[in-house]
């Protein structure tokens, strides 16, 4: 960090919280498309989420939109890092940002916590916590929380199909005939919209923070930048793609590191049943959502791959996203054709 970034941020915190106290700013790994920093000021510790410094208007808006959502639901029974303050002035720290509570917990990325490894029989609780937290999110009265302006007028699912087809076309990249074929199937077999709910938008295991002790205990759901009002079964199907066991699809083409004791994990059907029981929602059309979630994720990954092909990204992972998009589309087609039981 350079002094030109630190000094305005120092003044911002002094004005917001009073007094004059030195702050320490440390970049953190992760944070989705936003940048994350640990902030230390006297005895306080926070996390700052900043839009990318070269953000376009949309992505700069997302970080403030995320703050708005977290602030609206901060008193709801949803596990989140409590928001503290936001700033829309890019001169303070290079881009708009917000500050939130620090949570003592970690995402499950490369390995399970040591104490989980010592009690493999309890590891399935992590996936039960994932489902229970999702039920709590979907139960939020978003209208009463003042989030009605995030709702899309009209039917949600038709809008999503049109939107993601337009997103794919905007890449001006390689042709993906399976994506068009799947879109036609989705439109022809579309179920009625579920009652709208607050949705996370990128709900998966590595967007949850867990306490290190065993049995697993969820500490917070993070990375809300894609949140909105929509069909909650999209969230559920999205989360199931990332199941760490053999039911997971995101493993396709990737070497599996056995992070979990797989025999202890509830399978996708058990998780769907748990969600249906606790949410009282109808999950009989989950197969359609399984196809939709894979299709949507494939298109999202294709965007990064298209940047790689144009030379606008040098991230090695983005080269792999093309293969992953193809495998996700193949998995979606297999579900449609009945080769895989959804």
C-alpha atoms as a PDB file:
ATOM      1  CA  UNK A   1       0.000   0.000   0.000  1.00  0.00           C
ATOM      2  CA  UNK A   2       1.272   3.471  -0.843  1.00  0.00           C
ATOM      3  CA  UNK A   3       0.870   6.503   1.427  1.00  0.00           C
ATOM      4  CA  UNK A   4      -1.438   8.180  -1.104  1.00  0.00           C
ATOM      5  CA  UNK A   5      -3.945   5.350  -0.501  1.00  0.00           C
ATOM      6  CA  UNK A   6      -3.431   4.974   3.242  1.00  0.00           C
ATOM      7  CA  UNK A   7      -3.632   8.631   4.274  1.00  0.00           C
ATOM      8  CA  UNK A   8      -7.142   9.324   2.900  1.00  0.00           C
ATOM      9  CA  UNK A   9      -8.341   6.015   4.340  1.00  0.00           C
ATOM     10  CA  UNK A  10      -6.825   6.960   7.698  1.00  0.00           C
ATOM     11  CA  UNK A  11      -8.771  10.242   7.663  1.00  0.00           C
ATOM     12  CA  UNK A  12     -11.949   8.408   6.659  1.00  0.00           C
ATOM     13  CA  UNK A  13     -11.753   6.109   9.692  1.00  0.00           C
ATOM     14  CA  UNK A  14     -10.887   8.955  12.039  1.00  0.00           C
ATOM     15  CA  UNK A  15     -13.889  10.956  10.854  1.00  0.00           C
ATOM     16  CA  UNK A  16     -16.197   7.943  10.981  1.00  0.00           C
ATOM     17  CA  UNK A  17     -15.187   6.613  14.404  1.00  0.00           C
ATOM     18  CA  UNK A  18     -13.680   9.616  16.129  1.00  0.00           C
ATOM     19  CA  UNK A  19     -10.238  10.310  17.509  1.00  0.00           C
ATOM     20  CA  UNK A  20      -6.990   9.724  15.672  1.00  0.00           C
ATOM     21  CA  UNK A  21      -5.713   6.162  15.536  1.00  0.00           C
ATOM     22  CA  UNK A  22      -3.312   4.532  13.122  1.00  0.00           C
ATOM     23  CA  UNK A  23      -4.753   1.867  10.854  1.00  0.00           C
ATOM     24  CA  UNK A  24      -3.013  -1.156   9.365  1.00  0.00           C
ATOM     25  CA  UNK A  25      -4.186  -2.458   5.992  1.00  0.00           C
ATOM     26  CA  UNK A  26      -3.338  -6.002   4.873  1.00  0.00           C
ATOM     27  CA  UNK A  27      -4.536  -7.547   1.581  1.00  0.00           C
ATOM     28  CA  UNK A  28      -6.465 -10.810   1.958  1.00  0.00           C
ATOM     29  CA  UNK A  29      -6.679 -13.724  -0.441  1.00  0.00           C
ATOM     30  CA  UNK A  30     -10.114 -14.320  -1.927  1.00  0.00           C
ATOM     31  CA  UNK A  31     -13.087 -12.000  -1.897  1.00  0.00           C
ATOM     32  CA  UNK A  32     -14.616 -12.931  -5.239  1.00  0.00           C
ATOM     33  CA  UNK A  33     -14.322 -10.272  -7.923  1.00  0.00           C
ATOM     34  CA  UNK A  34     -13.838  -7.628  -5.236  1.00  0.00           C
ATOM     35  CA  UNK A  35     -10.626  -7.055  -3.323  1.00  0.00           C
ATOM     36  CA  UNK A  36     -10.531  -7.744   0.409  1.00  0.00           C
ATOM     37  CA  UNK A  37      -8.339  -6.220   3.125  1.00  0.00           C
ATOM     38  CA  UNK A  38      -7.939  -6.719   6.849  1.00  0.00           C
ATOM     39  CA  UNK A  39      -8.192  -3.413   8.725  1.00  0.00           C
ATOM     40  CA  UNK A  40      -6.715  -3.012  12.202  1.00  0.00           C
ATOM     41  CA  UNK A  41      -7.441   0.113  14.264  1.00  0.00           C
ATOM     42  CA  UNK A  42      -6.560  -0.019  17.946  1.00  0.00           C
ATOM     43  CA  UNK A  43      -8.425  -3.068  19.324  1.00  0.00           C
ATOM     44  CA  UNK A  44     -10.831  -3.238  16.388  1.00  0.00           C
ATOM     45  CA  UNK A  45     -10.447  -5.532  13.389  1.00  0.00           C
ATOM     46  CA  UNK A  46     -12.607  -5.310  10.302  1.00  0.00           C
ATOM     47  CA  UNK A  47     -12.644  -6.538   6.725  1.00  0.00           C
ATOM     48  CA  UNK A  48     -12.833  -4.019   3.882  1.00  0.00           C
ATOM     49  CA  UNK A  49     -14.296  -5.087   0.511  1.00  0.00           C
ATOM     50  CA  UNK A  50     -13.339  -2.847  -2.383  1.00  0.00           C
ATOM     51  CA  UNK A  51     -14.470  -2.821  -5.993  1.00  0.00           C
ATOM     52  CA  UNK A  52     -11.573  -3.496  -8.390  1.00  0.00           C
ATOM     53  CA  UNK A  53      -9.630  -0.278  -8.917  1.00  0.00           C
ATOM     54  CA  UNK A  54     -10.227  -0.487 -12.668  1.00  0.00           C
ATOM     55  CA  UNK A  55     -13.877  -1.375 -12.165  1.00  0.00           C
ATOM     56  CA  UNK A  56     -16.515  -0.347 -14.638  1.00  0.00           C
ATOM     57  CA  UNK A  57     -19.612   1.444 -13.379  1.00  0.00           C
ATOM     58  CA  UNK A  58     -21.479  -1.849 -12.900  1.00  0.00           C
ATOM     59  CA  UNK A  59     -18.854  -3.593 -10.779  1.00  0.00           C
ATOM     60  CA  UNK A  60     -18.239  -0.460  -8.742  1.00  0.00           C
ATOM     61  CA  UNK A  61     -21.965  -0.367  -8.083  1.00  0.00           C
ATOM     62  CA  UNK A  62     -22.008  -4.036  -7.024  1.00  0.00           C
ATOM     63  CA  UNK A  63     -19.911  -3.473  -3.909  1.00  0.00           C
ATOM     64  CA  UNK A  64     -22.247  -0.720  -2.677  1.00  0.00           C
ATOM     65  CA  UNK A  65     -25.252  -2.840  -3.617  1.00  0.00           C
ATOM     66  CA  UNK A  66     -23.756  -5.675  -1.554  1.00  0.00           C
ATOM     67  CA  UNK A  67     -23.447  -3.303   1.408  1.00  0.00           C
ATOM     68  CA  UNK A  68     -27.081  -2.240   0.974  1.00  0.00           C
ATOM     69  CA  UNK A  69     -28.252  -5.863   1.077  1.00  0.00           C
ATOM     70  CA  UNK A  70     -26.132  -6.777   4.087  1.00  0.00           C
ATOM     71  CA  UNK A  71     -27.264  -3.643   5.915  1.00  0.00           C
ATOM     72  CA  UNK A  72     -30.901  -4.454   5.159  1.00  0.00           C
ATOM     73  CA  UNK A  73     -30.679  -7.991   6.578  1.00  0.00           C
ATOM     74  CA  UNK A  74     -28.224  -7.362   9.424  1.00  0.00           C
ATOM     75  CA  UNK A  75     -30.897  -7.995  12.074  1.00  0.00           C
ATOM     76  CA  UNK A  76     -32.353 -11.065  10.357  1.00  0.00           C
ATOM     77  CA  UNK A  77     -31.503 -14.591  11.587  1.00  0.00           C
ATOM     78  CA  UNK A  78     -28.988 -15.038   8.748  1.00  0.00           C
ATOM     79  CA  UNK A  79     -25.309 -15.741   9.359  1.00  0.00           C
ATOM     80  CA  UNK A  80     -23.466 -12.768   7.864  1.00  0.00           C
ATOM     81  CA  UNK A  81     -20.546 -10.517   8.673  1.00  0.00           C
ATOM     82  CA  UNK A  82     -22.283  -7.411  10.045  1.00  0.00           C
ATOM     83  CA  UNK A  83     -21.729  -4.353   7.813  1.00  0.00           C
ATOM     84  CA  UNK A  84     -20.218  -1.287   9.463  1.00  0.00           C
ATOM     85  CA  UNK A  85     -19.864   1.573   6.965  1.00  0.00           C
ATOM     86  CA  UNK A  86     -19.573   2.209   3.232  1.00  0.00           C
ATOM     87  CA  UNK A  87     -17.853   4.796   1.050  1.00  0.00           C
ATOM     88  CA  UNK A  88     -18.713   5.716  -2.537  1.00  0.00           C
ATOM     89  CA  UNK A  89     -15.796   8.159  -2.987  1.00  0.00           C
ATOM     90  CA  UNK A  90     -13.015   6.451  -5.020  1.00  0.00           C
ATOM     91  CA  UNK A  91     -10.465   9.061  -3.893  1.00  0.00           C
ATOM     92  CA  UNK A  92     -10.459   7.590  -0.387  1.00  0.00           C
ATOM     93  CA  UNK A  93      -9.122   4.146  -1.292  1.00  0.00           C
ATOM     94  CA  UNK A  94      -9.007   3.879  -5.071  1.00  0.00           C
ATOM     95  CA  UNK A  95     -12.580   2.586  -5.553  1.00  0.00           C
ATOM     96  CA  UNK A  96     -15.888   2.388  -3.637  1.00  0.00           C
ATOM     97  CA  UNK A  97     -15.771   0.049  -0.643  1.00  0.00           C
ATOM     98  CA  UNK A  98     -17.510  -1.042   2.494  1.00  0.00           C
ATOM     99  CA  UNK A  99     -16.313  -2.239   5.886  1.00  0.00           C
ATOM    100  CA  UNK A 100     -17.755  -5.198   7.756  1.00  0.00           C
ATOM    101  CA  UNK A 101     -17.227  -7.198  10.905  1.00  0.00           C
ATOM    102  CA  UNK A 102     -14.273  -9.590  10.996  1.00  0.00           C
ATOM    103  CA  UNK A 103     -15.377 -13.218  11.372  1.00  0.00           C
ATOM    104  CA  UNK A 104     -13.153 -15.840  12.975  1.00  0.00           C
ATOM    105  CA  UNK A 105     -13.614 -18.559  10.417  1.00  0.00           C
ATOM    106  CA  UNK A 106     -12.307 -19.885   7.141  1.00  0.00           C
ATOM    107  CA  UNK A 107     -13.654 -21.130   3.818  1.00  0.00           C
ATOM    108  CA  UNK A 108     -13.146 -24.748   2.829  1.00  0.00           C
ATOM    109  CA  UNK A 109     -10.824 -24.340  -0.151  1.00  0.00           C
ATOM    110  CA  UNK A 110      -7.849 -26.708  -0.111  1.00  0.00           C
ATOM    111  CA  UNK A 111      -8.435 -28.810   3.000  1.00  0.00           C
ATOM    112  CA  UNK A 112     -10.775 -29.283   5.923  1.00  0.00           C
ATOM    113  CA  UNK A 113      -9.744 -27.884   9.320  1.00  0.00           C
ATOM    114  CA  UNK A 114      -7.482 -30.153  11.336  1.00  0.00           C
ATOM    115  CA  UNK A 115     -10.127 -30.782  13.998  1.00  0.00           C
ATOM    116  CA  UNK A 116     -12.601 -31.862  11.290  1.00  0.00           C
ATOM    117  CA  UNK A 117     -10.063 -34.351   9.985  1.00  0.00           C
ATOM    118  CA  UNK A 118      -9.825 -35.842  13.479  1.00  0.00           C
ATOM    119  CA  UNK A 119     -13.587 -36.414  13.625  1.00  0.00           C
ATOM    120  CA  UNK A 120     -14.518 -37.514  10.092  1.00  0.00           C
ATOM    121  CA  UNK A 121     -17.898 -38.850  11.179  1.00  0.00           C
ATOM    122  CA  UNK A 122     -19.087 -35.288  11.933  1.00  0.00           C
ATOM    123  CA  UNK A 123     -18.046 -33.692   8.645  1.00  0.00           C
ATOM    124  CA  UNK A 124     -21.474 -34.117   7.068  1.00  0.00           C
ATOM    125  CA  UNK A 125     -22.699 -31.409   9.413  1.00  0.00           C
ATOM    126  CA  UNK A 126     -20.958 -28.844   7.166  1.00  0.00           C
ATOM    127  CA  UNK A 127     -23.361 -29.610   4.318  1.00  0.00           C
ATOM    128  CA  UNK A 128     -26.348 -29.644   6.655  1.00  0.00           C
ATOM    129  CA  UNK A 129     -25.276 -26.192   7.871  1.00  0.00           C
ATOM    130  CA  UNK A 130     -24.998 -25.094   4.239  1.00  0.00           C
ATOM    131  CA  UNK A 131     -28.618 -26.110   3.621  1.00  0.00           C
ATOM    132  CA  UNK A 132     -29.939 -24.669   6.876  1.00  0.00           C
ATOM    133  CA  UNK A 133     -28.291 -21.303   6.196  1.00  0.00           C
ATOM    134  CA  UNK A 134     -29.795 -21.267   2.705  1.00  0.00           C
ATOM    135  CA  UNK A 135     -33.253 -21.914   4.150  1.00  0.00           C
ATOM    136  CA  UNK A 136     -32.730 -18.947   6.493  1.00  0.00           C
ATOM    137  CA  UNK A 137     -31.704 -16.669   3.616  1.00  0.00           C
ATOM    138  CA  UNK A 138     -34.736 -17.658   1.568  1.00  0.00           C
ATOM    139  CA  UNK A 139     -37.026 -17.057   4.553  1.00  0.00           C
ATOM    140  CA  UNK A 140     -36.072 -13.367   4.854  1.00  0.00           C
ATOM    141  CA  UNK A 141     -39.008 -11.010   4.330  1.00  0.00           C
ATOM    142  CA  UNK A 142     -37.216  -8.990   1.663  1.00  0.00           C
ATOM    143  CA  UNK A 143     -40.073  -6.556   1.190  1.00  0.00           C
ATOM    144  CA  UNK A 144     -40.136  -5.689   4.897  1.00  0.00           C
ATOM    145  CA  UNK A 145     -36.342  -5.250   4.776  1.00  0.00           C
ATOM    146  CA  UNK A 146     -36.660  -2.616   2.055  1.00  0.00           C
ATOM    147  CA  UNK A 147     -35.237  -4.703  -0.784  1.00  0.00           C
ATOM    148  CA  UNK A 148     -38.276  -4.537  -3.042  1.00  0.00           C
ATOM    149  CA  UNK A 149     -36.418  -2.449  -5.629  1.00  0.00           C
ATOM    150  CA  UNK A 150     -34.149  -5.444  -6.342  1.00  0.00           C
ATOM    151  CA  UNK A 151     -37.067  -7.541  -7.606  1.00  0.00           C
ATOM    152  CA  UNK A 152     -37.466  -7.985 -11.363  1.00  0.00           C
ATOM    153  CA  UNK A 153     -40.863  -7.081 -12.792  1.00  0.00           C
ATOM    154  CA  UNK A 154     -42.482 -10.026 -14.526  1.00  0.00           C
ATOM    155  CA  UNK A 155     -41.571 -13.695 -14.596  1.00  0.00           C
ATOM    156  CA  UNK A 156     -38.076 -14.396 -13.299  1.00  0.00           C
ATOM    157  CA  UNK A 157     -37.004 -17.548 -15.155  1.00  0.00           C
ATOM    158  CA  UNK A 158     -37.807 -16.384 -18.716  1.00  0.00           C
ATOM    159  CA  UNK A 159     -35.880 -13.192 -17.997  1.00  0.00           C
ATOM    160  CA  UNK A 160     -32.899 -15.223 -16.776  1.00  0.00           C
ATOM    161  CA  UNK A 161     -32.787 -17.348 -19.936  1.00  0.00           C
ATOM    162  CA  UNK A 162     -32.907 -14.256 -22.152  1.00  0.00           C
ATOM    163  CA  UNK A 163     -30.354 -12.445 -20.024  1.00  0.00           C
ATOM    164  CA  UNK A 164     -27.754 -15.217 -20.072  1.00  0.00           C
ATOM    165  CA  UNK A 165     -28.148 -15.833 -23.785  1.00  0.00           C
ATOM    166  CA  UNK A 166     -27.475 -12.128 -24.327  1.00  0.00           C
ATOM    167  CA  UNK A 167     -24.475 -12.387 -21.997  1.00  0.00           C
ATOM    168  CA  UNK A 168     -23.065 -15.249 -24.060  1.00  0.00           C
ATOM    169  CA  UNK A 169     -23.562 -13.316 -27.304  1.00  0.00           C
ATOM    170  CA  UNK A 170     -21.807 -10.278 -25.838  1.00  0.00           C
ATOM    171  CA  UNK A 171     -18.544 -12.222 -25.516  1.00  0.00           C
ATOM    172  CA  UNK A 172     -18.263 -12.460 -29.325  1.00  0.00           C
ATOM    173  CA  UNK A 173     -16.179 -15.573 -28.696  1.00  0.00           C
ATOM    174  CA  UNK A 174     -16.382 -19.160 -29.834  1.00  0.00           C
ATOM    175  CA  UNK A 175     -19.634 -20.742 -30.945  1.00  0.00           C
ATOM    176  CA  UNK A 176     -21.283 -22.906 -28.301  1.00  0.00           C
ATOM    177  CA  UNK A 177     -24.130 -24.787 -30.030  1.00  0.00           C
ATOM    178  CA  UNK A 178     -24.891 -26.875 -26.893  1.00  0.00           C
ATOM    179  CA  UNK A 179     -25.601 -23.689 -24.948  1.00  0.00           C
ATOM    180  CA  UNK A 180     -28.217 -22.642 -27.504  1.00  0.00           C
ATOM    181  CA  UNK A 181     -29.747 -26.137 -27.576  1.00  0.00           C
ATOM    182  CA  UNK A 182     -29.960 -26.237 -23.799  1.00  0.00           C
ATOM    183  CA  UNK A 183     -31.533 -22.770 -23.720  1.00  0.00           C
ATOM    184  CA  UNK A 184     -34.258 -24.013 -26.065  1.00  0.00           C
ATOM    185  CA  UNK A 185     -34.902 -26.998 -23.784  1.00  0.00           C
ATOM    186  CA  UNK A 186     -34.980 -24.772 -20.698  1.00  0.00           C
ATOM    187  CA  UNK A 187     -37.522 -22.466 -22.282  1.00  0.00           C
ATOM    188  CA  UNK A 188     -39.723 -25.338 -23.476  1.00  0.00           C
ATOM    189  CA  UNK A 189     -39.734 -27.155 -20.128  1.00  0.00           C
ATOM    190  CA  UNK A 190     -39.695 -24.189 -17.776  1.00  0.00           C
ATOM    191  CA  UNK A 191     -41.523 -24.794 -14.459  1.00  0.00           C
ATOM    192  CA  UNK A 192     -43.665 -22.107 -12.823  1.00  0.00           C
ATOM    193  CA  UNK A 193     -41.658 -19.570 -10.850  1.00  0.00           C
ATOM    194  CA  UNK A 194     -41.252 -20.302  -7.171  1.00  0.00           C
ATOM    195  CA  UNK A 195     -42.392 -17.563  -4.772  1.00  0.00           C
ATOM    196  CA  UNK A 196     -39.617 -14.965  -4.917  1.00  0.00           C
ATOM    197  CA  UNK A 197     -36.972 -14.938  -2.220  1.00  0.00           C
ATOM    198  CA  UNK A 198     -33.766 -13.189  -1.305  1.00  0.00           C
ATOM    199  CA  UNK A 199     -31.124 -15.203  -3.149  1.00  0.00           C
ATOM    200  CA  UNK A 200     -27.383 -15.203  -2.599  1.00  0.00           C
ATOM    201  CA  UNK A 201     -26.555 -15.670  -6.270  1.00  0.00           C
ATOM    202  CA  UNK A 202     -23.280 -17.580  -5.815  1.00  0.00           C
ATOM    203  CA  UNK A 203     -24.137 -19.934  -2.995  1.00  0.00           C
ATOM    204  CA  UNK A 204     -21.538 -22.656  -2.533  1.00  0.00           C
ATOM    205  CA  UNK A 205     -19.349 -24.200   0.115  1.00  0.00           C
ATOM    206  CA  UNK A 206     -16.360 -21.917  -0.419  1.00  0.00           C
ATOM    207  CA  UNK A 207     -18.522 -18.816   0.106  1.00  0.00           C
ATOM    208  CA  UNK A 208     -19.192 -19.951   3.669  1.00  0.00           C
ATOM    209  CA  UNK A 209     -16.908 -19.346   6.637  1.00  0.00           C
ATOM    210  CA  UNK A 210     -16.727 -22.111   9.221  1.00  0.00           C
ATOM    211  CA  UNK A 211     -15.326 -22.102  12.727  1.00  0.00           C
ATOM    212  CA  UNK A 212     -12.306 -24.423  13.004  1.00  0.00           C
ATOM    213  CA  UNK A 213     -13.640 -26.660  15.772  1.00  0.00           C
ATOM    214  CA  UNK A 214     -15.576 -29.880  15.312  1.00  0.00           C
ATOM    215  CA  UNK A 215     -18.416 -30.533  14.665  1.00  0.00           C
ATOM    216  CA  UNK A 216     -18.628 -28.002  11.813  1.00  0.00           C
ATOM    217  CA  UNK A 217     -20.333 -24.726  12.677  1.00  0.00           C
ATOM    218  CA  UNK A 218     -21.119 -22.113  10.055  1.00  0.00           C
ATOM    219  CA  UNK A 219     -19.930 -18.657  11.095  1.00  0.00           C
ATOM    220  CA  UNK A 220     -20.987 -16.519   8.120  1.00  0.00           C
ATOM    221  CA  UNK A 221     -22.140 -16.518   4.517  1.00  0.00           C
ATOM    222  CA  UNK A 222     -19.910 -14.150   2.508  1.00  0.00           C
ATOM    223  CA  UNK A 223     -19.539 -12.678  -1.012  1.00  0.00           C
ATOM    224  CA  UNK A 224     -23.043 -11.292  -1.529  1.00  0.00           C
ATOM    225  CA  UNK A 225     -22.217  -9.215  -4.615  1.00  0.00           C
ATOM    226  CA  UNK A 226     -24.468 -11.359  -6.851  1.00  0.00           C
ATOM    227  CA  UNK A 227     -27.418 -11.351  -4.426  1.00  0.00           C
ATOM    228  CA  UNK A 228     -30.883 -10.333  -5.543  1.00  0.00           C
ATOM    229  CA  UNK A 229     -34.537 -11.274  -5.494  1.00  0.00           C
ATOM    230  CA  UNK A 230     -35.359 -14.341  -7.527  1.00  0.00           C
ATOM    231  CA  UNK A 231     -36.213 -18.023  -7.659  1.00  0.00           C
ATOM    232  CA  UNK A 232     -34.656 -19.718  -4.608  1.00  0.00           C
ATOM    233  CA  UNK A 233     -34.252 -23.114  -6.278  1.00  0.00           C
ATOM    234  CA  UNK A 234     -31.562 -21.577  -8.495  1.00  0.00           C
ATOM    235  CA  UNK A 235     -29.502 -21.057  -5.311  1.00  0.00           C
ATOM    236  CA  UNK A 236     -30.119 -24.643  -4.225  1.00  0.00           C
ATOM    237  CA  UNK A 237     -29.180 -26.183  -7.573  1.00  0.00           C
ATOM    238  CA  UNK A 238     -26.094 -23.949  -7.792  1.00  0.00           C
ATOM    239  CA  UNK A 239     -24.889 -25.105  -4.375  1.00  0.00           C
ATOM    240  CA  UNK A 240     -25.371 -28.764  -5.326  1.00  0.00           C
ATOM    241  CA  UNK A 241     -23.036 -28.391  -8.330  1.00  0.00           C
ATOM    242  CA  UNK A 242     -20.233 -27.885  -5.799  1.00  0.00           C
ATOM    243  CA  UNK A 243     -21.043 -30.898  -3.611  1.00  0.00           C
ATOM    244  CA  UNK A 244     -17.598 -32.171  -2.526  1.00  0.00           C
ATOM    245  CA  UNK A 245     -18.562 -35.816  -3.070  1.00  0.00           C
ATOM    246  CA  UNK A 246     -19.260 -37.767  -6.257  1.00  0.00           C
ATOM    247  CA  UNK A 247     -22.582 -35.927  -6.642  1.00  0.00           C
ATOM    248  CA  UNK A 248     -20.669 -32.728  -7.411  1.00  0.00           C
ATOM    249  CA  UNK A 249     -20.357 -31.637 -11.051  1.00  0.00           C
ATOM    250  CA  UNK A 250     -17.726 -28.921 -10.755  1.00  0.00           C
ATOM    251  CA  UNK A 251     -15.185 -31.725 -10.221  1.00  0.00           C
ATOM    252  CA  UNK A 252     -15.540 -32.790 -13.852  1.00  0.00           C
ATOM    253  CA  UNK A 253     -12.128 -32.794 -15.486  1.00  0.00           C
ATOM    254  CA  UNK A 254     -10.395 -31.835 -12.238  1.00  0.00           C
ATOM    255  CA  UNK A 255      -8.320 -34.027  -9.967  1.00  0.00           C
ATOM    256  CA  UNK A 256     -10.122 -34.517  -6.664  1.00  0.00           C
ATOM    257  CA  UNK A 257      -8.302 -33.847  -3.447  1.00  0.00           C
ATOM    258  CA  UNK A 258     -10.278 -35.796  -0.835  1.00  0.00           C
ATOM    259  CA  UNK A 259     -10.831 -32.862   1.508  1.00  0.00           C
ATOM    260  CA  UNK A 260     -13.782 -34.537   3.156  1.00  0.00           C
ATOM    261  CA  UNK A 261     -14.405 -38.006   4.508  1.00  0.00           C
ATOM    262  CA  UNK A 262     -16.811 -38.675   1.659  1.00  0.00           C
ATOM    263  CA  UNK A 263     -18.589 -41.581   3.340  1.00  0.00           C
ATOM    264  CA  UNK A 264     -19.810 -39.226   6.066  1.00  0.00           C
ATOM    265  CA  UNK A 265     -21.451 -36.707   3.718  1.00  0.00           C
ATOM    266  CA  UNK A 266     -25.179 -36.531   2.965  1.00  0.00           C
ATOM    267  CA  UNK A 267     -25.806 -36.995  -0.750  1.00  0.00           C
ATOM    268  CA  UNK A 268     -27.607 -34.487  -2.940  1.00  0.00           C
ATOM    269  CA  UNK A 269     -30.995 -36.167  -2.501  1.00  0.00           C
ATOM    270  CA  UNK A 270     -30.689 -35.981   1.282  1.00  0.00           C
ATOM    271  CA  UNK A 271     -29.755 -32.306   1.021  1.00  0.00           C
ATOM    272  CA  UNK A 272     -32.684 -31.553  -1.302  1.00  0.00           C
ATOM    273  CA  UNK A 273     -35.044 -33.338   1.067  1.00  0.00           C
ATOM    274  CA  UNK A 274     -33.637 -31.384   4.017  1.00  0.00           C
ATOM    275  CA  UNK A 275     -34.170 -28.105   2.148  1.00  0.00           C
ATOM    276  CA  UNK A 276     -37.724 -29.053   1.137  1.00  0.00           C
ATOM    277  CA  UNK A 277     -38.625 -30.093   4.676  1.00  0.00           C
ATOM    278  CA  UNK A 278     -37.226 -26.983   6.358  1.00  0.00           C
ATOM    279  CA  UNK A 279     -38.331 -24.446   3.734  1.00  0.00           C
ATOM    280  CA  UNK A 280     -41.713 -26.023   2.867  1.00  0.00           C
ATOM    281  CA  UNK A 281     -40.901 -25.339  -0.797  1.00  0.00           C
ATOM    282  CA  UNK A 282     -41.725 -27.626  -3.695  1.00  0.00           C
ATOM    283  CA  UNK A 283     -38.516 -29.168  -5.071  1.00  0.00           C
ATOM    284  CA  UNK A 284     -40.095 -31.613  -7.519  1.00  0.00           C
ATOM    285  CA  UNK A 285     -38.735 -29.624 -10.492  1.00  0.00           C
ATOM    286  CA  UNK A 286     -35.149 -29.598  -9.195  1.00  0.00           C
ATOM    287  CA  UNK A 287     -33.965 -31.446 -12.329  1.00  0.00           C
ATOM    288  CA  UNK A 288     -34.812 -28.386 -14.450  1.00  0.00           C
ATOM    289  CA  UNK A 289     -32.852 -26.191 -12.058  1.00  0.00           C
ATOM    290  CA  UNK A 290     -29.914 -28.617 -12.184  1.00  0.00           C
ATOM    291  CA  UNK A 291     -29.773 -28.067 -15.944  1.00  0.00           C
ATOM    292  CA  UNK A 292     -30.242 -24.316 -15.633  1.00  0.00           C
ATOM    293  CA  UNK A 293     -27.521 -23.906 -12.985  1.00  0.00           C
ATOM    294  CA  UNK A 294     -24.955 -25.816 -15.057  1.00  0.00           C
ATOM    295  CA  UNK A 295     -25.897 -23.840 -18.169  1.00  0.00           C
ATOM    296  CA  UNK A 296     -25.657 -20.511 -16.338  1.00  0.00           C
ATOM    297  CA  UNK A 297     -22.324 -21.385 -14.729  1.00  0.00           C
ATOM    298  CA  UNK A 298     -20.937 -22.524 -18.088  1.00  0.00           C
ATOM    299  CA  UNK A 299     -21.839 -19.160 -19.638  1.00  0.00           C
ATOM    300  CA  UNK A 300     -20.339 -17.270 -16.702  1.00  0.00           C
ATOM    301  CA  UNK A 301     -17.069 -19.222 -17.002  1.00  0.00           C
ATOM    302  CA  UNK A 302     -17.065 -18.770 -20.779  1.00  0.00           C
ATOM    303  CA  UNK A 303     -16.838 -15.010 -20.214  1.00  0.00           C
ATOM    304  CA  UNK A 304     -13.475 -15.366 -18.501  1.00  0.00           C
ATOM    305  CA  UNK A 305     -12.311 -17.854 -21.127  1.00  0.00           C
ATOM    306  CA  UNK A 306     -13.249 -15.414 -23.893  1.00  0.00           C
ATOM    307  CA  UNK A 307     -11.109 -12.756 -22.187  1.00  0.00           C
ATOM    308  CA  UNK A 308      -8.239 -15.230 -22.093  1.00  0.00           C
ATOM    309  CA  UNK A 309      -8.611 -15.970 -25.814  1.00  0.00           C
ATOM    310  CA  UNK A 310      -8.565 -12.232 -26.610  1.00  0.00           C
ATOM    311  CA  UNK A 311      -5.410 -11.770 -24.554  1.00  0.00           C
ATOM    312  CA  UNK A 312      -7.223  -9.661 -21.963  1.00  0.00           C
ATOM    313  CA  UNK A 313      -6.501 -12.087 -19.114  1.00  0.00           C
ATOM    314  CA  UNK A 314      -3.253 -13.787 -18.198  1.00  0.00           C
ATOM    315  CA  UNK A 315      -4.727 -15.828 -15.348  1.00  0.00           C
ATOM    316  CA  UNK A 316      -3.926 -19.533 -15.975  1.00  0.00           C
ATOM    317  CA  UNK A 317      -7.239 -20.538 -14.404  1.00  0.00           C
ATOM    318  CA  UNK A 318      -9.161 -18.673 -17.094  1.00  0.00           C
ATOM    319  CA  UNK A 319      -7.672 -20.923 -19.768  1.00  0.00           C
ATOM    320  CA  UNK A 320      -9.089 -23.925 -17.908  1.00  0.00           C
ATOM    321  CA  UNK A 321     -12.540 -22.302 -17.705  1.00  0.00           C
ATOM    322  CA  UNK A 322     -13.175 -23.141 -21.356  1.00  0.00           C
ATOM    323  CA  UNK A 323     -12.820 -26.856 -20.656  1.00  0.00           C
ATOM    324  CA  UNK A 324     -14.938 -26.501 -17.533  1.00  0.00           C
ATOM    325  CA  UNK A 325     -17.689 -24.713 -19.467  1.00  0.00           C
ATOM    326  CA  UNK A 326     -17.753 -27.538 -22.018  1.00  0.00           C
ATOM    327  CA  UNK A 327     -17.996 -30.169 -19.283  1.00  0.00           C
ATOM    328  CA  UNK A 328     -20.792 -28.307 -17.507  1.00  0.00           C
ATOM    329  CA  UNK A 329     -22.774 -28.109 -20.743  1.00  0.00           C
ATOM    330  CA  UNK A 330     -22.160 -31.819 -21.310  1.00  0.00           C
ATOM    331  CA  UNK A 331     -23.386 -32.562 -17.800  1.00  0.00           C
ATOM    332  CA  UNK A 332     -26.524 -30.476 -18.426  1.00  0.00           C
ATOM    333  CA  UNK A 333     -27.204 -32.388 -21.654  1.00  0.00           C
ATOM    334  CA  UNK A 334     -26.743 -35.711 -19.828  1.00  0.00           C
ATOM    335  CA  UNK A 335     -29.420 -34.705 -17.324  1.00  0.00           C
ATOM    336  CA  UNK A 336     -31.770 -33.726 -20.139  1.00  0.00           C
ATOM    337  CA  UNK A 337     -31.174 -37.021 -21.908  1.00  0.00           C
ATOM    338  CA  UNK A 338     -31.661 -38.999 -18.706  1.00  0.00           C
ATOM    339  CA  UNK A 339     -28.110 -40.320 -18.573  1.00  0.00           C
ATOM    340  CA  UNK A 340     -27.662 -38.810 -15.117  1.00  0.00           C
ATOM    341  CA  UNK A 341     -30.387 -38.950 -12.474  1.00  0.00           C
ATOM    342  CA  UNK A 342     -30.851 -35.396 -11.183  1.00  0.00           C
END
